[in-house]
Amino acid sequence: MPPRPCSFCSPTDLDSLGHNPTGIVLSVERKKEIYAVCSKYDVVIVEDEPYWYLQFPSAATEEAKSRGLPVPPPSPSPAPVHSSGYPFLDSLTPSFMSLDTDGRVVRLDTFSKTVAPGCRLGWITCQPALAERFQRIAESTTQQPSGFVQGLVSELVLGASPQNTAAKSAFARLLTPRERTAFTGWDAAGFVRWLEGLRGMYERRMARMCRALDAGATYISSASTSKDLTASEWTPVTVTKQTLYTFAWPRGGMFIWLRMHLETHPLWRAPCLGDKVLDGPLLSAALMIWLTTKPFRVLVASGSMFAANDEIRREEGWAYYRLCFAAEAEGNIDLASGRFVEGVRAFWEVRDVGVVERLLGEIGGSVEDGVEALEGLDLGEEVVRLGGFMGC
């Protein structure tokens, strides 16, 4: 008998390597602890791993260097129980599948994050009893993924099959000699080389964006402490240092999970619209819209869309933004990151409540409607939808 199916959420599934949106990677020790609990209470683990190949071994070291902290000792690569035959795959933090002795792990993988976005092709790894059930469900619902995509990806990853030799030969006659020599599938070894190169590319983009964010995370302002406007150039000044946002360098995945410290904004809790105050949700929505205006033109995903429940969304979801470094070419990472930093710093220089009210007015058509849309449990449907297409 297969174990009794239950939902296991974190918050929507167990995305343990390159978690979306936090970018964390669960250690083998932590996975063993989770597996022991699930085994004790007979819980099926659904391990959704679209970012498993995108683990960043240099993140801890580069984070310490960027922030002037002691460099941590290198972590030993986990030793797999059974080698895959590919050093790159063996160097990755193992899946829950490697710990599964009960047949309770269902692992989900996809080609969408490694071959082509939107190819809508993936696979499930699980024990035979569950696989048979999934097959029956697919037969009576979705039937199958696109046959064209299946054929394209299978030949690309596995190489040419004997069945299509004639078709391949006919197609090859249409190519130039140089193209003909390159007309081969990856096969498994080539696919692994592609994955390793892809991981390296995303790791470089991640590091560039994180360094730019580190450089702009602190805002320093100064003000004169003298009321004598005729005082000399040696007038004493007060220097204030504020942390605009904090984040941890992601250990995997495609995203940076950033906490915006809006409580340090000069308009925090400032009166607006008579009987209201500029609290976290209002300032967060205003900042998100502010960043989309000229000259910044950057779009972030609201943390509210990732909140596990209404209480978290109301109390702290508004304080988080998710930034994506995978969607931009490496050459644009510095430019996009710089615009984000400049936009946040410029927002901290806003001292006029009217500016924030006008930004909020863009949500609902008027200031009052915008504020009303943002009150309650969420950040406002319009604001969440602004970056909602980046939620996957």
Protein backbone atom coordinates (compact mmCIF):
# COMPACT_ATOMS: atom_id res chain seq x y z
CA MET A 1 0.00 0.00 0.00
CA PRO A 2 1.38 3.45 -0.85
CA PRO A 3 1.55 5.94 2.02
CA ARG A 4 -1.53 8.03 2.67
CA PRO A 5 -1.43 11.21 0.55
CA CYS A 6 -1.34 14.48 2.47
CA SER A 7 -0.47 18.00 1.51
CA PHE A 8 2.94 19.27 2.58
CA CYS A 9 3.27 23.00 2.06
CA SER A 10 6.16 25.45 2.21
CA PRO A 11 4.01 27.45 1.50
CA THR A 12 2.59 25.77 -1.63
CA ASP A 13 4.90 22.80 -2.10
CA LEU A 14 8.30 21.56 -0.98
CA ASP A 15 10.62 23.50 -3.27
CA SER A 16 13.79 22.75 -1.33
CA LEU A 17 16.58 23.75 -3.74
CA GLY A 18 16.55 27.28 -5.11
CA HIS A 19 13.25 27.89 -3.35
CA ASN A 20 10.91 30.35 -5.03
CA PRO A 21 10.93 33.08 -3.80
CA THR A 22 13.50 32.85 -0.98
CA GLY A 23 16.41 31.24 -2.86
CA ILE A 24 17.28 28.91 0.02
CA VAL A 25 18.75 25.42 -0.37
CA LEU A 26 17.88 22.85 2.27
CA SER A 27 20.85 20.94 3.61
CA VAL A 28 20.96 17.16 3.60
CA GLU A 29 20.71 17.18 7.41
CA ARG A 30 17.54 19.28 7.31
CA LYS A 31 16.05 17.01 4.66
CA LYS A 32 16.71 13.99 6.83
CA GLU A 33 14.86 15.66 9.70
CA ILE A 34 11.89 16.51 7.47
CA TYR A 35 11.82 13.03 6.01
CA ALA A 36 11.81 11.48 9.50
CA VAL A 37 8.79 13.59 10.49
CA CYS A 38 6.94 12.70 7.28
CA SER A 39 7.75 9.02 7.79
CA LYS A 40 6.46 9.15 11.36
CA TYR A 41 3.15 10.74 10.38
CA ASP A 42 2.79 9.01 6.99
CA VAL A 43 3.00 12.14 4.83
CA VAL A 44 3.74 12.07 1.12
CA ILE A 45 6.48 14.56 0.17
CA VAL A 46 5.83 16.34 -3.11
CA GLU A 47 9.26 17.69 -4.05
CA ASP A 48 8.82 20.36 -6.71
CA GLU A 49 12.32 21.02 -8.07
CA PRO A 50 12.32 23.24 -11.18
CA TYR A 51 15.53 24.94 -9.96
CA TRP A 52 17.44 21.88 -8.70
CA TYR A 53 20.22 22.29 -11.28
CA LEU A 54 20.62 25.99 -10.43
CA GLN A 55 22.51 25.73 -7.13
CA PHE A 56 25.17 28.37 -6.51
CA PRO A 57 28.19 27.00 -4.58
CA SER A 58 30.00 30.36 -4.65
CA ALA A 59 27.17 32.36 -3.06
CA ALA A 60 28.30 32.11 0.57
CA THR A 61 31.89 33.09 -0.25
CA GLU A 62 30.99 35.94 -2.59
CA GLU A 63 28.41 37.28 -0.14
CA ALA A 64 31.04 37.48 2.60
CA LYS A 65 33.52 39.22 0.27
CA SER A 66 30.91 41.72 -0.90
CA ARG A 67 29.99 42.65 2.67
CA GLY A 68 33.47 42.65 4.17
CA LEU A 69 32.79 39.63 6.36
CA PRO A 70 35.04 36.67 7.14
CA VAL A 71 34.94 34.17 4.32
CA PRO A 72 33.34 30.94 5.56
CA PRO A 73 35.22 27.69 5.12
CA PRO A 74 34.24 25.82 1.96
CA SER A 75 31.43 23.36 2.43
CA PRO A 76 32.23 19.81 1.35
CA SER A 77 30.21 18.54 -1.58
CA PRO A 78 27.64 15.97 -0.51
CA ALA A 79 28.63 12.46 -1.40
CA PRO A 80 25.83 10.74 -3.35
CA VAL A 81 24.84 7.23 -2.36
CA HIS A 82 24.95 6.24 -6.02
CA SER A 83 27.01 8.22 -8.51
CA SER A 84 25.24 9.48 -11.63
CA GLY A 85 28.47 9.29 -13.59
CA TYR A 86 28.52 13.06 -13.99
CA PRO A 87 30.59 15.11 -11.50
CA PHE A 88 28.32 18.14 -11.89
CA LEU A 89 25.17 16.22 -10.91
CA ASP A 90 26.99 14.48 -8.05
CA SER A 91 28.09 17.89 -6.67
CA LEU A 92 24.51 19.10 -6.20
CA THR A 93 22.68 18.86 -2.90
CA PRO A 94 20.84 15.53 -3.11
CA SER A 95 17.13 15.26 -3.67
CA PHE A 96 14.67 13.79 -1.19
CA MET A 97 14.59 10.85 -3.62
CA SER A 98 18.04 9.80 -2.40
CA LEU A 99 16.65 9.50 1.15
CA ASP A 100 13.40 7.77 0.24
CA THR A 101 13.09 4.31 1.74
CA ASP A 102 9.29 4.29 2.07
CA GLY A 103 8.22 5.29 -1.43
CA ARG A 104 6.68 8.51 -0.14
CA VAL A 105 8.58 11.06 -2.30
CA VAL A 106 7.01 12.40 -5.49
CA ARG A 107 9.51 14.53 -7.36
CA LEU A 108 8.44 17.01 -10.05
CA ASP A 109 10.91 18.25 -12.70
CA THR A 110 10.54 20.46 -15.74
CA PHE A 111 12.38 21.48 -18.90
CA SER A 112 10.83 24.96 -18.76
CA LYS A 113 13.62 26.38 -16.59
CA THR A 114 16.52 24.67 -18.36
CA VAL A 115 15.61 24.22 -22.06
CA ALA A 116 12.95 26.75 -23.05
CA PRO A 117 10.48 28.87 -21.05
CA GLY A 118 6.93 27.82 -21.69
CA CYS A 119 7.71 24.47 -23.27
CA ARG A 120 5.28 23.00 -20.71
CA LEU A 121 7.06 19.69 -20.49
CA GLY A 122 8.14 17.96 -17.31
CA TRP A 123 8.26 14.60 -15.63
CA ILE A 124 7.38 12.91 -12.36
CA THR A 125 9.61 10.50 -10.46
CA CYS A 126 7.88 8.35 -7.87
CA GLN A 127 7.11 4.79 -6.80
CA PRO A 128 5.25 2.56 -9.33
CA ALA A 129 1.92 2.51 -7.49
CA LEU A 130 1.68 6.31 -7.59
CA ALA A 131 3.03 6.51 -11.15
CA GLU A 132 0.23 4.23 -12.35
CA ARG A 133 -2.37 6.50 -10.74
CA PHE A 134 -0.82 9.62 -12.29
CA GLN A 135 -0.89 7.93 -15.68
CA ARG A 136 -4.58 7.11 -15.36
CA ILE A 137 -5.38 10.67 -14.28
CA ALA A 138 -3.47 12.07 -17.26
CA GLU A 139 -5.24 9.73 -19.65
CA SER A 140 -8.64 10.99 -18.52
CA THR A 141 -7.75 14.70 -18.28
CA THR A 142 -4.83 16.36 -20.06
CA GLN A 143 -4.02 13.35 -22.29
CA GLN A 144 -0.38 14.39 -22.80
CA PRO A 145 1.87 17.41 -23.33
CA SER A 146 2.47 18.75 -26.81
CA GLY A 147 3.73 15.96 -29.06
CA PHE A 148 5.91 18.39 -31.00
CA VAL A 149 7.62 19.57 -27.81
CA GLN A 150 8.06 15.98 -26.62
CA GLY A 151 9.76 15.02 -29.89
CA LEU A 152 11.96 18.10 -29.95
CA VAL A 153 13.15 17.80 -26.36
CA SER A 154 13.61 14.02 -26.41
CA GLU A 155 15.85 14.12 -29.47
CA LEU A 156 17.71 17.12 -28.11
CA VAL A 157 18.41 15.46 -24.78
CA LEU A 158 18.69 11.80 -25.75
CA GLY A 159 20.01 12.11 -29.29
CA ALA A 160 18.51 10.75 -32.50
CA SER A 161 16.43 7.59 -32.32
CA PRO A 162 16.74 4.79 -34.93
CA GLN A 163 13.12 5.35 -35.97
CA ASN A 164 13.77 8.81 -37.40
CA THR A 165 17.03 8.13 -39.24
CA ALA A 166 15.40 8.48 -42.67
CA ALA A 167 13.70 11.73 -41.78
CA LYS A 168 16.90 13.10 -40.31
CA SER A 169 18.85 12.15 -43.43
CA ALA A 170 16.32 13.88 -45.67
CA PHE A 171 16.38 17.03 -43.53
CA ALA A 172 20.20 17.00 -43.38
CA ARG A 173 20.38 17.29 -47.20
CA LEU A 174 18.85 20.75 -46.85
CA LEU A 175 21.72 21.96 -44.65
CA THR A 176 25.15 23.31 -45.45
CA PRO A 177 28.15 21.05 -44.73
CA ARG A 178 28.97 23.03 -41.58
CA GLU A 179 25.39 22.83 -40.34
CA ARG A 180 25.27 19.14 -41.21
CA THR A 181 28.25 18.31 -38.99
CA ALA A 182 26.57 20.13 -36.08
CA PHE A 183 23.19 18.47 -36.60
CA THR A 184 23.23 16.11 -33.62
CA GLY A 185 21.34 15.89 -30.37
CA TRP A 186 22.94 16.68 -27.08
CA ASP A 187 22.60 13.14 -25.71
CA ALA A 188 22.73 12.84 -21.91
CA ALA A 189 26.35 14.03 -21.54
CA GLY A 190 25.67 17.09 -23.67
CA PHE A 191 22.55 17.91 -21.68
CA VAL A 192 24.53 17.80 -18.43
CA ARG A 193 27.19 20.08 -19.93
CA TRP A 194 24.41 22.46 -20.92
CA LEU A 195 23.00 22.41 -17.38
CA GLU A 196 26.40 23.13 -15.88
CA GLY A 197 26.93 26.07 -18.22
CA LEU A 198 23.43 27.35 -17.53
CA ARG A 199 24.06 27.21 -13.78
CA GLY A 200 27.27 29.18 -14.26
CA MET A 201 25.53 31.85 -16.30
CA TYR A 202 22.78 32.38 -13.73
CA GLU A 203 25.34 32.33 -10.92
CA ARG A 204 27.23 35.21 -12.56
CA ARG A 205 24.02 37.21 -13.02
CA MET A 206 23.02 36.58 -9.42
CA ALA A 207 26.40 37.76 -8.13
CA ARG A 208 26.34 40.94 -10.21
CA MET A 209 22.88 41.90 -9.03
CA CYS A 210 23.65 41.11 -5.39
CA ARG A 211 26.84 43.21 -5.44
CA ALA A 212 24.91 46.17 -6.85
CA LEU A 213 22.23 45.75 -4.19
CA ASP A 214 24.83 45.48 -1.43
CA ALA A 215 26.45 48.73 -2.59
CA GLY A 216 23.17 50.65 -2.36
CA ALA A 217 21.56 49.12 0.72
CA THR A 218 22.55 51.96 3.07
CA TYR A 219 21.26 55.52 2.86
CA ILE A 220 23.28 58.29 4.50
CA SER A 221 21.74 61.71 5.03
CA SER A 222 23.03 64.80 6.78
CA ALA A 223 21.45 67.89 8.32
CA SER A 224 22.86 70.97 9.98
CA THR A 225 22.43 71.20 13.74
CA SER A 226 22.81 75.00 13.76
CA LYS A 227 19.94 77.44 13.40
CA ASP A 228 22.35 80.23 12.46
CA LEU A 229 22.14 80.53 8.69
CA THR A 230 25.21 82.82 8.68
CA ALA A 231 27.39 80.24 10.39
CA SER A 232 30.73 79.28 8.89
CA GLU A 233 31.46 76.25 6.73
CA TRP A 234 32.38 74.39 9.94
CA THR A 235 28.77 74.27 11.09
CA PRO A 236 28.15 70.95 12.86
CA VAL A 237 25.97 68.46 11.00
CA THR A 238 24.12 65.34 12.02
CA VAL A 239 24.78 62.29 9.86
CA THR A 240 22.12 59.57 9.79
CA LYS A 241 22.72 56.09 8.43
CA GLN A 242 19.67 54.05 7.46
CA THR A 243 19.33 50.53 6.11
CA LEU A 244 16.96 50.63 3.16
CA TYR A 245 16.66 46.88 2.62
CA THR A 246 18.22 43.59 3.63
CA PHE A 247 18.54 40.28 1.81
CA ALA A 248 20.56 37.09 1.72
CA TRP A 249 22.39 36.07 -1.42
CA PRO A 250 20.35 33.23 -2.93
CA ARG A 251 21.94 29.79 -2.80
CA GLY A 252 19.97 28.67 -5.83
CA GLY A 253 17.12 29.48 -8.19
CA MET A 254 16.41 32.65 -10.15
CA PHE A 255 15.34 35.18 -7.53
CA ILE A 256 16.45 37.50 -4.73
CA TRP A 257 14.08 37.80 -1.75
CA LEU A 258 14.45 41.31 -0.38
CA ARG A 259 12.96 42.90 2.72
CA MET A 260 12.30 46.62 2.37
CA HIS A 261 12.68 48.52 5.67
CA LEU A 262 9.91 51.02 5.06
CA GLU A 263 9.77 51.78 8.78
CA THR A 264 12.89 53.94 8.23
CA HIS A 265 11.22 56.08 5.56
CA PRO A 266 10.76 59.72 6.65
CA LEU A 267 7.01 59.52 5.90
CA TRP A 268 6.43 56.34 7.91
CA ARG A 269 3.14 56.70 9.82
CA ALA A 270 2.67 60.21 8.45
CA PRO A 271 -0.97 61.46 8.37
CA CYS A 272 -2.68 61.29 4.99
CA LEU A 273 -6.22 61.87 3.77
CA GLY A 274 -7.21 63.32 7.13
CA ASP A 275 -7.83 60.26 9.29
CA LYS A 276 -5.35 57.75 7.79
CA VAL A 277 -1.60 57.16 8.10
CA LEU A 278 1.03 55.96 5.65
CA ASP A 279 1.60 52.45 6.94
CA GLY A 280 3.54 49.57 5.45
CA PRO A 281 1.04 48.43 2.77
CA LEU A 282 0.50 51.98 1.51
CA LEU A 283 4.19 52.88 1.35
CA SER A 284 5.04 49.53 -0.24
CA ALA A 285 2.44 50.00 -2.96
CA ALA A 286 3.60 53.56 -3.58
CA LEU A 287 7.22 52.42 -3.87
CA MET A 288 6.33 49.65 -6.29
CA ILE A 289 4.56 52.14 -8.57
CA TRP A 290 7.34 54.71 -8.08
CA LEU A 291 9.89 52.20 -9.41
CA THR A 292 7.94 51.80 -12.67
CA THR A 293 8.14 55.53 -13.46
CA LYS A 294 10.89 57.32 -15.38
CA PRO A 295 13.85 57.24 -15.09
CA PHE A 296 13.84 53.95 -13.14
CA ARG A 297 11.50 51.73 -15.16
CA VAL A 298 11.92 48.56 -13.11
CA LEU A 299 9.22 46.11 -12.06
CA VAL A 300 9.40 43.94 -8.96
CA ALA A 301 7.08 41.19 -7.76
CA SER A 302 5.15 41.98 -4.59
CA GLY A 303 5.87 39.70 -1.66
CA SER A 304 2.17 39.61 -0.88
CA MET A 305 1.51 37.11 -3.66
CA PHE A 306 3.73 34.59 -1.86
CA ALA A 307 2.13 34.93 1.59
CA ALA A 308 0.97 31.59 3.00
CA ASN A 309 -2.22 33.07 4.46
CA ASP A 310 -4.10 36.31 4.94
CA GLU A 311 -2.56 37.00 8.32
CA ILE A 312 1.00 36.90 6.97
CA ARG A 313 -0.03 38.93 3.94
CA ARG A 314 -1.52 41.60 6.17
CA GLU A 315 1.25 41.72 8.78
CA GLU A 316 4.45 41.38 6.75
CA GLY A 317 3.88 40.30 3.15
CA TRP A 318 3.94 43.92 1.99
CA ALA A 319 7.51 44.35 3.28
CA TYR A 320 9.02 41.91 0.76
CA TYR A 321 9.85 42.15 -2.92
CA ARG A 322 11.10 39.43 -5.22
CA LEU A 323 13.70 40.43 -7.81
CA CYS A 324 14.51 38.24 -10.80
CA PHE A 325 18.03 38.13 -12.26
CA ALA A 326 17.23 35.39 -14.80
CA ALA A 327 14.99 37.47 -17.06
CA GLU A 328 17.68 39.99 -18.06
CA ALA A 329 20.74 39.49 -20.24
CA GLU A 330 23.96 39.55 -18.26
CA GLY A 331 24.98 42.82 -19.86
CA ASN A 332 21.82 44.52 -18.54
CA ILE A 333 22.05 43.27 -14.97
CA ASP A 334 24.16 46.18 -13.73
CA LEU A 335 21.89 48.72 -15.44
CA ALA A 336 18.66 47.21 -14.09
CA SER A 337 20.09 46.76 -10.60
CA GLY A 338 21.40 50.33 -10.59
CA ARG A 339 17.98 51.67 -11.57
CA PHE A 340 16.35 49.75 -8.75
CA VAL A 341 18.84 51.10 -6.20
CA GLU A 342 18.48 54.65 -7.52
CA GLY A 343 14.70 54.37 -7.41
CA VAL A 344 14.65 53.18 -3.80
CA ARG A 345 17.08 55.89 -2.71
CA ALA A 346 15.07 58.56 -4.52
CA PHE A 347 11.90 57.34 -2.83
CA TRP A 348 13.55 57.80 0.57
CA GLU A 349 14.13 61.46 -0.34
CA VAL A 350 10.40 62.08 -0.79
CA ARG A 351 9.18 64.27 2.06
CA ASP A 352 5.84 65.34 0.56
CA VAL A 353 2.83 63.20 1.49
CA GLY A 354 1.11 64.49 -1.62
CA VAL A 355 3.63 62.65 -3.83
CA VAL A 356 2.74 59.34 -2.18
CA GLU A 357 -0.98 60.11 -2.40
CA ARG A 358 -0.68 60.74 -6.14
CA LEU A 359 1.11 57.42 -6.59
CA LEU A 360 -1.63 55.63 -4.68
CA GLY A 361 -4.21 57.40 -6.80
CA GLU A 362 -2.89 55.53 -9.85
CA ILE A 363 -4.21 52.30 -8.33
CA GLY A 364 -7.88 53.15 -8.02
CA GLY A 365 -8.34 56.21 -10.20
CA SER A 366 -8.32 58.57 -7.23
CA VAL A 367 -6.35 58.83 -4.01
CA GLU A 368 -9.33 57.72 -1.92
CA ASP A 369 -10.09 54.76 -4.19
CA GLY A 370 -6.43 53.74 -4.23
CA VAL A 371 -6.18 53.76 -0.46
CA GLU A 372 -9.48 51.91 -0.16
CA ALA A 373 -8.23 49.23 -2.59
CA LEU A 374 -5.15 48.71 -0.44
CA GLU A 375 -6.96 48.42 2.86
CA GLY A 376 -7.95 45.04 4.21
CA LEU A 377 -6.10 41.77 3.81
CA ASP A 378 -4.05 42.23 0.67
CA LEU A 379 -1.84 44.79 -0.96
CA GLY A 380 -4.48 45.58 -3.54
CA GLU A 381 -5.29 43.47 -6.58
CA GLU A 382 -4.02 46.11 -9.00
CA VAL A 383 -0.60 46.30 -7.34
CA VAL A 384 -0.17 42.54 -7.03
CA ARG A 385 -1.25 42.10 -10.65
CA LEU A 386 1.36 44.68 -11.72
CA GLY A 387 4.12 42.14 -11.06
CA GLY A 388 1.91 39.08 -10.96
CA PHE A 389 3.07 37.66 -14.29
CA MET A 390 6.48 37.13 -12.69
CA GLY A 391 5.08 34.96 -9.91
CA CYS A 392 6.08 31.59 -11.39
